[in-house]
C-alpha cells in the first residue's frame, strides 16, 4: 500500500498574506491541490496532510474522503511535522513524503521515487547550477549516499556541491517511524530535520537510493509572491509549448494563460 504525507503546516510569512501559503493559487488551483491531485494519480490509497498555520482553513479546503488532516501544534521542523502523520500509517505501507508548496512534481518522477523505495529508503534530488538555500546531498568515496547537510550546517567544501535535496523521500512505514523517533535537533536551526532519517538509515546499514531529476521547475517550491509568479509563468509557458507541439496555433505563447484543464 502507498500512503502519502503532505507537509502543509508552515506559516508562509514571506507571502505577506493572511491566506495560508498552500492555499495560494497556481493556474487557478491552490498549491496543495496540485500536490494532492498528483498523489492521487499515482494510486496513493491514503493521503495524510499535516497542517498548522491556518489549520482549520486548510483542512476545510482539502476535505475529501481520502484525506486525513493532523495538526502540528508547534513548528519544530519537517521531521517533527512528518511524525505527526507517520505514526498513523500502516506498518507495512510505503510512505511518500511531499510538500504542500511544491506543486509541480510529476507523477512520473514520484513513481520513480516510490519504485526506488522497494529495496530501501529513497530520496529525490536535483542538480542545480545555483543550489543556494538547499540542503546538499553528500556522497561517500564510492558515490553512495551518505547524508544530507542543510546549508546553514554545511562546510565550505559541502557548499560547493550542486546536487541538492528536494525534501521528497519514500520509505517503509515501520523504518520511517523508527528513524523519526531518533532524529535530534542538534543543528544550527534547533529543528528536527526530516532528511536526517536518511543518515540514520545509512548508520543502520541501509543503502539510500537517490533519484535525480534535471527538471528544476518541478522541484521548485513557493516561499514568496515573487517565486509564485515565476512558477506561474514557467507553468503557463510549458503548457503553451505543449499545445503548440500538438498543433495548436498560439500568436504569442508568452501571453497564454490557462486556468483549469483544457480537454
C-alpha atoms as a PDB file:
ATOM      1  CA  UNK A   1       0.000   0.000   0.000  1.00  0.00           C
ATOM      2  CA  UNK A   2       1.161   3.527  -0.803  1.00  0.00           C
ATOM      3  CA  UNK A   3       0.389   6.282   1.676  1.00  0.00           C
ATOM      4  CA  UNK A   4       1.341   9.912   1.103  1.00  0.00           C
ATOM      5  CA  UNK A   5       2.137  12.527   3.734  1.00  0.00           C
ATOM      6  CA  UNK A   6       1.898  16.164   2.632  1.00  0.00           C
ATOM      7  CA  UNK A   7       3.545  18.745   4.873  1.00  0.00           C
ATOM      8  CA  UNK A   8       1.477  21.936   4.915  1.00  0.00           C
ATOM      9  CA  UNK A   9       1.968  23.445   8.367  1.00  0.00           C
ATOM     10  CA  UNK A  10       4.299  26.341   7.564  1.00  0.00           C
ATOM     11  CA  UNK A  11       3.365  29.950   8.280  1.00  0.00           C
ATOM     12  CA  UNK A  12       4.433  31.302   4.898  1.00  0.00           C
ATOM     13  CA  UNK A  13       5.475  34.602   6.458  1.00  0.00           C
ATOM     14  CA  UNK A  14       7.198  35.847   3.298  1.00  0.00           C
ATOM     15  CA  UNK A  15       3.931  35.660   1.355  1.00  0.00           C
ATOM     16  CA  UNK A  16       2.764  38.635   3.470  1.00  0.00           C
ATOM     17  CA  UNK A  17      -0.796  37.358   3.375  1.00  0.00           C
ATOM     18  CA  UNK A  18      -3.425  36.161   5.845  1.00  0.00           C
ATOM     19  CA  UNK A  19      -4.161  33.320   3.425  1.00  0.00           C
ATOM     20  CA  UNK A  20      -2.211  30.149   4.305  1.00  0.00           C
ATOM     21  CA  UNK A  21       0.597  29.737   1.785  1.00  0.00           C
ATOM     22  CA  UNK A  22      -0.574  26.370   0.457  1.00  0.00           C
ATOM     23  CA  UNK A  23      -3.953  27.908  -0.475  1.00  0.00           C
ATOM     24  CA  UNK A  24      -2.451  30.498  -2.814  1.00  0.00           C
ATOM     25  CA  UNK A  25      -3.297  29.538  -6.369  1.00  0.00           C
ATOM     26  CA  UNK A  26      -1.214  28.407  -9.318  1.00  0.00           C
ATOM     27  CA  UNK A  27      -3.010  28.259 -12.672  1.00  0.00           C
ATOM     28  CA  UNK A  28      -6.266  28.786 -10.809  1.00  0.00           C
ATOM     29  CA  UNK A  29      -5.828  25.937  -8.308  1.00  0.00           C
ATOM     30  CA  UNK A  30      -4.464  26.015  -4.731  1.00  0.00           C
ATOM     31  CA  UNK A  31      -0.864  24.856  -4.463  1.00  0.00           C
ATOM     32  CA  UNK A  32      -1.739  21.972  -2.170  1.00  0.00           C
ATOM     33  CA  UNK A  33      -4.447  20.713  -4.506  1.00  0.00           C
ATOM     34  CA  UNK A  34      -1.854  20.316  -7.255  1.00  0.00           C
ATOM     35  CA  UNK A  35       0.107  18.093  -4.850  1.00  0.00           C
ATOM     36  CA  UNK A  36      -2.897  16.042  -3.743  1.00  0.00           C
ATOM     37  CA  UNK A  37      -4.126  15.503  -7.302  1.00  0.00           C
ATOM     38  CA  UNK A  38      -0.708  14.224  -8.372  1.00  0.00           C
ATOM     39  CA  UNK A  39      -0.608  11.902  -5.353  1.00  0.00           C
ATOM     40  CA  UNK A  40      -3.988  10.503  -6.367  1.00  0.00           C
ATOM     41  CA  UNK A  41      -2.748   9.951  -9.908  1.00  0.00           C
ATOM     42  CA  UNK A  42      -0.079   7.517  -8.650  1.00  0.00           C
ATOM     43  CA  UNK A  43      -2.721   5.498  -6.779  1.00  0.00           C
ATOM     44  CA  UNK A  44      -1.958   6.579  -3.231  1.00  0.00           C
ATOM     45  CA  UNK A  45      -4.572   4.872  -1.072  1.00  0.00           C
ATOM     46  CA  UNK A  46      -4.353   7.272   1.853  1.00  0.00           C
ATOM     47  CA  UNK A  47      -3.460  10.955   1.937  1.00  0.00           C
ATOM     48  CA  UNK A  48      -2.275  12.436   5.230  1.00  0.00           C
ATOM     49  CA  UNK A  49      -1.897  16.216   5.450  1.00  0.00           C
ATOM     50  CA  UNK A  50      -0.050  17.899   8.308  1.00  0.00           C
ATOM     51  CA  UNK A  51      -1.478  21.362   8.959  1.00  0.00           C
ATOM     52  CA  UNK A  52      -0.510  24.121  11.363  1.00  0.00           C
ATOM     53  CA  UNK A  53      -0.874  27.769  10.427  1.00  0.00           C
ATOM     54  CA  UNK A  54      -4.477  28.298   9.308  1.00  0.00           C
ATOM     55  CA  UNK A  55      -5.195  24.653  10.133  1.00  0.00           C
ATOM     56  CA  UNK A  56      -8.978  24.893  10.039  1.00  0.00           C
ATOM     57  CA  UNK A  57      -8.987  26.823   6.779  1.00  0.00           C
ATOM     58  CA  UNK A  58      -6.577  24.422   5.064  1.00  0.00           C
ATOM     59  CA  UNK A  59      -8.370  21.313   6.351  1.00  0.00           C
ATOM     60  CA  UNK A  60     -11.690  22.637   5.066  1.00  0.00           C
ATOM     61  CA  UNK A  61     -10.223  23.458   1.643  1.00  0.00           C
ATOM     62  CA  UNK A  62      -8.819  19.946   1.127  1.00  0.00           C
ATOM     63  CA  UNK A  63     -11.622  17.961   2.763  1.00  0.00           C
ATOM     64  CA  UNK A  64     -12.202  14.658   0.936  1.00  0.00           C
ATOM     65  CA  UNK A  65     -12.878  11.032   1.798  1.00  0.00           C
ATOM     66  CA  UNK A  66      -9.262  10.048   1.136  1.00  0.00           C
ATOM     67  CA  UNK A  67      -7.678  12.915   3.123  1.00  0.00           C
ATOM     68  CA  UNK A  68      -6.953  12.985   6.859  1.00  0.00           C
ATOM     69  CA  UNK A  69      -5.520  16.100   8.500  1.00  0.00           C
ATOM     70  CA  UNK A  70      -3.205  16.211  11.519  1.00  0.00           C
ATOM     71  CA  UNK A  71      -2.187  19.335  13.420  1.00  0.00           C
ATOM     72  CA  UNK A  72       1.437  20.210  14.129  1.00  0.00           C
ATOM     73  CA  UNK A  73       0.873  22.438  17.150  1.00  0.00           C
ATOM     74  CA  UNK A  74       4.473  23.699  17.264  1.00  0.00           C
ATOM     75  CA  UNK A  75       6.691  24.440  14.268  1.00  0.00           C
ATOM     76  CA  UNK A  76       9.658  22.258  15.236  1.00  0.00           C
ATOM     77  CA  UNK A  77      10.856  21.209  11.788  1.00  0.00           C
ATOM     78  CA  UNK A  78       9.968  18.883   8.948  1.00  0.00           C
ATOM     79  CA  UNK A  79      10.917  15.760  10.871  1.00  0.00           C
ATOM     80  CA  UNK A  80       8.598  16.714  13.715  1.00  0.00           C
ATOM     81  CA  UNK A  81       5.809  17.504  11.236  1.00  0.00           C
ATOM     82  CA  UNK A  82       6.207  14.183   9.445  1.00  0.00           C
ATOM     83  CA  UNK A  83       5.997  12.283  12.719  1.00  0.00           C
ATOM     84  CA  UNK A  84       2.546  13.787  13.364  1.00  0.00           C
ATOM     85  CA  UNK A  85       1.204  11.765  10.435  1.00  0.00           C
ATOM     86  CA  UNK A  86       3.667   8.884  10.065  1.00  0.00           C
ATOM     87  CA  UNK A  87       2.552   7.236  13.291  1.00  0.00           C
ATOM     88  CA  UNK A  88      -0.889   6.805  11.714  1.00  0.00           C
ATOM     89  CA  UNK A  89       0.405   4.949   8.635  1.00  0.00           C
ATOM     90  CA  UNK A  90       0.108   1.172   8.433  1.00  0.00           C
ATOM     91  CA  UNK A  91       3.340  -0.600   9.344  1.00  0.00           C
ATOM     92  CA  UNK A  92       3.610  -2.429   6.013  1.00  0.00           C
ATOM     93  CA  UNK A  93       2.927   0.629   3.837  1.00  0.00           C
ATOM     94  CA  UNK A  94       5.367   2.560   1.701  1.00  0.00           C
ATOM     95  CA  UNK A  95       5.219   6.201   2.780  1.00  0.00           C
ATOM     96  CA  UNK A  96       5.968   9.047   0.359  1.00  0.00           C
ATOM     97  CA  UNK A  97       6.555  12.485   1.883  1.00  0.00           C
ATOM     98  CA  UNK A  98       5.697  15.585  -0.168  1.00  0.00           C
ATOM     99  CA  UNK A  99       5.390  19.309   0.460  1.00  0.00           C
ATOM    100  CA  UNK A 100       2.244  21.376   0.016  1.00  0.00           C
ATOM    101  CA  UNK A 101       4.172  24.286  -1.503  1.00  0.00           C
ATOM    102  CA  UNK A 102       5.965  22.254  -4.201  1.00  0.00           C
ATOM    103  CA  UNK A 103       3.121  21.909  -6.702  1.00  0.00           C
ATOM    104  CA  UNK A 104       4.616  20.734  -9.992  1.00  0.00           C
ATOM    105  CA  UNK A 105       6.249  17.392  -9.246  1.00  0.00           C
ATOM    106  CA  UNK A 106       5.210  14.992 -11.992  1.00  0.00           C
ATOM    107  CA  UNK A 107       3.544  11.642 -11.459  1.00  0.00           C
ATOM    108  CA  UNK A 108       6.384  10.003 -13.390  1.00  0.00           C
ATOM    109  CA  UNK A 109       9.017  11.409 -11.034  1.00  0.00           C
ATOM    110  CA  UNK A 110       7.087  10.379  -7.929  1.00  0.00           C
ATOM    111  CA  UNK A 111       6.571   6.880  -9.309  1.00  0.00           C
ATOM    112  CA  UNK A 112      10.343   6.598  -9.767  1.00  0.00           C
ATOM    113  CA  UNK A 113      10.891   7.519  -6.118  1.00  0.00           C
ATOM    114  CA  UNK A 114       8.278   5.024  -4.916  1.00  0.00           C
ATOM    115  CA  UNK A 115       9.756   2.270  -7.105  1.00  0.00           C
ATOM    116  CA  UNK A 116      13.241   3.017  -5.764  1.00  0.00           C
ATOM    117  CA  UNK A 117      11.940   2.641  -2.204  1.00  0.00           C
ATOM    118  CA  UNK A 118      11.048  -1.028  -2.684  1.00  0.00           C
ATOM    119  CA  UNK A 119      14.530  -2.091  -1.593  1.00  0.00           C
ATOM    120  CA  UNK A 120      15.207   0.685   0.927  1.00  0.00           C
ATOM    121  CA  UNK A 121      14.674   4.397   1.549  1.00  0.00           C
ATOM    122  CA  UNK A 122      14.746   6.684  -1.482  1.00  0.00           C
ATOM    123  CA  UNK A 123      15.377  10.386  -1.940  1.00  0.00           C
ATOM    124  CA  UNK A 124      14.555  12.757  -4.784  1.00  0.00           C
ATOM    125  CA  UNK A 125      17.497  15.027  -5.583  1.00  0.00           C
ATOM    126  CA  UNK A 126      18.051  17.703  -8.203  1.00  0.00           C
ATOM    127  CA  UNK A 127      21.169  19.044  -9.878  1.00  0.00           C
ATOM    128  CA  UNK A 128      21.193  22.845  -9.754  1.00  0.00           C
ATOM    129  CA  UNK A 129      23.516  25.494 -11.141  1.00  0.00           C
ATOM    130  CA  UNK A 130      22.624  27.701  -8.162  1.00  0.00           C
ATOM    131  CA  UNK A 131      21.984  25.477  -5.130  1.00  0.00           C
ATOM    132  CA  UNK A 132      21.847  28.353  -2.617  1.00  0.00           C
ATOM    133  CA  UNK A 133      19.371  27.694   0.161  1.00  0.00           C
ATOM    134  CA  UNK A 134      19.084  23.954  -0.423  1.00  0.00           C
ATOM    135  CA  UNK A 135      20.400  21.063   1.623  1.00  0.00           C
ATOM    136  CA  UNK A 136      23.278  19.305  -0.153  1.00  0.00           C
ATOM    137  CA  UNK A 137      23.350  15.590  -0.942  1.00  0.00           C
ATOM    138  CA  UNK A 138      26.669  14.280   0.355  1.00  0.00           C
ATOM    139  CA  UNK A 139      28.065  11.053  -1.097  1.00  0.00           C
ATOM    140  CA  UNK A 140      30.893   8.862   0.159  1.00  0.00           C
ATOM    141  CA  UNK A 141      34.071   7.904  -1.707  1.00  0.00           C
ATOM    142  CA  UNK A 142      32.224   5.234  -3.700  1.00  0.00           C
ATOM    143  CA  UNK A 143      29.493   7.618  -4.819  1.00  0.00           C
ATOM    144  CA  UNK A 144      26.895   6.152  -2.482  1.00  0.00           C
ATOM    145  CA  UNK A 145      24.572   8.399  -0.493  1.00  0.00           C
ATOM    146  CA  UNK A 146      25.977   9.354   2.916  1.00  0.00           C
ATOM    147  CA  UNK A 147      23.745  12.118   4.274  1.00  0.00           C
ATOM    148  CA  UNK A 148      22.006  15.425   3.619  1.00  0.00           C
ATOM    149  CA  UNK A 149      23.518  18.546   5.156  1.00  0.00           C
ATOM    150  CA  UNK A 150      21.482  21.745   5.371  1.00  0.00           C
ATOM    151  CA  UNK A 151      23.089  24.915   4.050  1.00  0.00           C
ATOM    152  CA  UNK A 152      23.425  26.511   7.494  1.00  0.00           C
ATOM    153  CA  UNK A 153      25.266  23.433   8.751  1.00  0.00           C
ATOM    154  CA  UNK A 154      27.426  22.849   5.651  1.00  0.00           C
ATOM    155  CA  UNK A 155      31.202  23.271   5.433  1.00  0.00           C
ATOM    156  CA  UNK A 156      32.813  25.343   2.670  1.00  0.00           C
ATOM    157  CA  UNK A 157      33.519  22.204   0.634  1.00  0.00           C
ATOM    158  CA  UNK A 158      29.974  20.905   1.104  1.00  0.00           C
ATOM    159  CA  UNK A 159      28.556  24.216  -0.106  1.00  0.00           C
ATOM    160  CA  UNK A 160      30.239  23.577  -3.476  1.00  0.00           C
ATOM    161  CA  UNK A 161      28.050  20.500  -4.047  1.00  0.00           C
ATOM    162  CA  UNK A 162      25.368  21.116  -6.674  1.00  0.00           C
ATOM    163  CA  UNK A 163      23.266  18.023  -6.041  1.00  0.00           C
ATOM    164  CA  UNK A 164      20.532  19.122  -3.655  1.00  0.00           C
ATOM    165  CA  UNK A 165      17.819  17.586  -1.560  1.00  0.00           C
ATOM    166  CA  UNK A 166      14.284  18.345  -2.765  1.00  0.00           C
ATOM    167  CA  UNK A 167      12.775  17.122   0.505  1.00  0.00           C
ATOM    168  CA  UNK A 168      10.825  14.343  -1.186  1.00  0.00           C
ATOM    169  CA  UNK A 169      11.544  10.880   0.170  1.00  0.00           C
ATOM    170  CA  UNK A 170       9.947   7.459   0.464  1.00  0.00           C
ATOM    171  CA  UNK A 171      10.484   4.601   2.892  1.00  0.00           C
ATOM    172  CA  UNK A 172       8.739   1.700   4.535  1.00  0.00           C
ATOM    173  CA  UNK A 173       6.454   2.960   7.292  1.00  0.00           C
ATOM    174  CA  UNK A 174       7.983   0.894  10.076  1.00  0.00           C
ATOM    175  CA  UNK A 175      11.509   2.010   9.190  1.00  0.00           C
ATOM    176  CA  UNK A 176      10.492   5.650   8.774  1.00  0.00           C
ATOM    177  CA  UNK A 177       8.860   5.780  12.204  1.00  0.00           C
ATOM    178  CA  UNK A 178      11.925   4.174  13.770  1.00  0.00           C
ATOM    179  CA  UNK A 179      14.262   6.764  12.257  1.00  0.00           C
ATOM    180  CA  UNK A 180      11.943   9.674  13.034  1.00  0.00           C
ATOM    181  CA  UNK A 181      11.939   8.707  16.708  1.00  0.00           C
ATOM    182  CA  UNK A 182      15.746   9.005  16.719  1.00  0.00           C
ATOM    183  CA  UNK A 183      16.123  12.356  14.941  1.00  0.00           C
ATOM    184  CA  UNK A 184      17.553  15.110  17.159  1.00  0.00           C
ATOM    185  CA  UNK A 185      17.510  18.896  16.901  1.00  0.00           C
ATOM    186  CA  UNK A 186      21.258  19.313  17.364  1.00  0.00           C
ATOM    187  CA  UNK A 187      21.785  21.725  14.462  1.00  0.00           C
ATOM    188  CA  UNK A 188      22.026  25.431  13.651  1.00  0.00           C
ATOM    189  CA  UNK A 189      18.248  25.819  13.438  1.00  0.00           C
ATOM    190  CA  UNK A 190      17.409  23.781  16.523  1.00  0.00           C
ATOM    191  CA  UNK A 191      14.861  21.842  14.447  1.00  0.00           C
ATOM    192  CA  UNK A 192      14.099  18.206  13.711  1.00  0.00           C
ATOM    193  CA  UNK A 193      15.099  17.791  10.057  1.00  0.00           C
ATOM    194  CA  UNK A 194      13.295  15.148   8.008  1.00  0.00           C
ATOM    195  CA  UNK A 195      16.372  14.357   5.826  1.00  0.00           C
ATOM    196  CA  UNK A 196      18.229  13.242   8.960  1.00  0.00           C
ATOM    197  CA  UNK A 197      16.259   9.984   8.791  1.00  0.00           C
ATOM    198  CA  UNK A 198      18.332   9.068   5.740  1.00  0.00           C
ATOM    199  CA  UNK A 199      21.605   9.494   7.608  1.00  0.00           C
ATOM    200  CA  UNK A 200      20.203   7.219  10.313  1.00  0.00           C
ATOM    201  CA  UNK A 201      19.234   4.712   7.626  1.00  0.00           C
ATOM    202  CA  UNK A 202      22.845   4.617   6.433  1.00  0.00           C
ATOM    203  CA  UNK A 203      24.033   4.151  10.022  1.00  0.00           C
ATOM    204  CA  UNK A 204      21.685   1.165  10.265  1.00  0.00           C
ATOM    205  CA  UNK A 205      23.248  -0.413   7.184  1.00  0.00           C
ATOM    206  CA  UNK A 206      20.651   0.575   4.594  1.00  0.00           C
ATOM    207  CA  UNK A 207      21.522   1.851   1.139  1.00  0.00           C
ATOM    208  CA  UNK A 208      19.649   5.006   0.167  1.00  0.00           C
ATOM    209  CA  UNK A 209      18.578   5.207  -3.472  1.00  0.00           C
ATOM    210  CA  UNK A 210      18.896   8.693  -4.961  1.00  0.00           C
ATOM    211  CA  UNK A 211      16.572   9.555  -7.834  1.00  0.00           C
ATOM    212  CA  UNK A 212      17.869  12.645  -9.641  1.00  0.00           C
ATOM    213  CA  UNK A 213      15.708  14.952 -11.733  1.00  0.00           C
ATOM    214  CA  UNK A 214      17.152  17.550 -14.086  1.00  0.00           C
ATOM    215  CA  UNK A 215      13.830  19.400 -14.312  1.00  0.00           C
ATOM    216  CA  UNK A 216      14.299  22.306 -11.912  1.00  0.00           C
ATOM    217  CA  UNK A 217      10.775  23.596 -12.465  1.00  0.00           C
ATOM    218  CA  UNK A 218       9.075  20.548 -10.994  1.00  0.00           C
ATOM    219  CA  UNK A 219      11.085  20.727  -7.773  1.00  0.00           C
ATOM    220  CA  UNK A 220      10.660  24.461  -7.188  1.00  0.00           C
ATOM    221  CA  UNK A 221       8.831  25.483  -4.041  1.00  0.00           C
ATOM    222  CA  UNK A 222       6.993  28.691  -3.255  1.00  0.00           C
ATOM    223  CA  UNK A 223       8.173  30.898  -0.401  1.00  0.00           C
ATOM    224  CA  UNK A 224       7.064  34.346  -1.559  1.00  0.00           C
ATOM    225  CA  UNK A 225       4.948  36.056  -4.204  1.00  0.00           C
ATOM    226  CA  UNK A 226       7.940  36.538  -6.493  1.00  0.00           C
ATOM    227  CA  UNK A 227       8.563  32.787  -6.607  1.00  0.00           C
ATOM    228  CA  UNK A 228       4.847  32.142  -7.096  1.00  0.00           C
ATOM    229  CA  UNK A 229       4.717  34.485 -10.092  1.00  0.00           C
ATOM    230  CA  UNK A 230       7.859  32.938 -11.579  1.00  0.00           C
ATOM    231  CA  UNK A 231       6.399  29.451 -11.221  1.00  0.00           C
ATOM    232  CA  UNK A 232       3.128  30.619 -12.765  1.00  0.00           C
ATOM    233  CA  UNK A 233       4.997  31.937 -15.804  1.00  0.00           C
ATOM    234  CA  UNK A 234       7.057  28.758 -16.118  1.00  0.00           C
ATOM    235  CA  UNK A 235       3.952  26.581 -15.959  1.00  0.00           C
ATOM    236  CA  UNK A 236       1.972  28.688 -18.437  1.00  0.00           C
ATOM    237  CA  UNK A 237       4.886  28.730 -20.887  1.00  0.00           C
ATOM    238  CA  UNK A 238       5.293  24.961 -20.617  1.00  0.00           C
ATOM    239  CA  UNK A 239       1.566  24.422 -21.201  1.00  0.00           C
ATOM    240  CA  UNK A 240       1.620  26.770 -24.188  1.00  0.00           C
ATOM    241  CA  UNK A 241       4.565  24.952 -25.773  1.00  0.00           C
ATOM    242  CA  UNK A 242       2.908  21.567 -25.232  1.00  0.00           C
ATOM    243  CA  UNK A 243      -0.205  22.818 -27.028  1.00  0.00           C
ATOM    244  CA  UNK A 244       1.855  24.250 -29.874  1.00  0.00           C
ATOM    245  CA  UNK A 245       3.731  20.958 -30.222  1.00  0.00           C
ATOM    246  CA  UNK A 246       0.369  19.204 -30.593  1.00  0.00           C
ATOM    247  CA  UNK A 247      -0.659  21.501 -33.444  1.00  0.00           C
ATOM    248  CA  UNK A 248      -2.415  24.378 -31.690  1.00  0.00           C
ATOM    249  CA  UNK A 249      -1.505  27.812 -33.060  1.00  0.00           C
ATOM    250  CA  UNK A 250      -0.779  30.493 -30.475  1.00  0.00           C
ATOM    251  CA  UNK A 251       0.035  34.004 -31.660  1.00  0.00           C
ATOM    252  CA  UNK A 252       2.171  34.701 -28.584  1.00  0.00           C
ATOM    253  CA  UNK A 253       2.999  31.924 -26.138  1.00  0.00           C
ATOM    254  CA  UNK A 254       4.115  34.495 -23.575  1.00  0.00           C
ATOM    255  CA  UNK A 255       0.559  35.850 -23.356  1.00  0.00           C
ATOM    256  CA  UNK A 256      -1.027  32.426 -22.877  1.00  0.00           C
ATOM    257  CA  UNK A 257      -2.908  31.837 -19.608  1.00  0.00           C
ATOM    258  CA  UNK A 258      -4.729  28.584 -18.849  1.00  0.00           C
ATOM    259  CA  UNK A 259      -6.875  28.126 -15.741  1.00  0.00           C
ATOM    260  CA  UNK A 260      -8.115  24.630 -15.033  1.00  0.00           C
ATOM    261  CA  UNK A 261      -7.992  21.927 -17.709  1.00  0.00           C
ATOM    262  CA  UNK A 262      -8.182  22.059 -21.485  1.00  0.00           C
ATOM    263  CA  UNK A 263      -9.587  18.833 -22.960  1.00  0.00           C
END
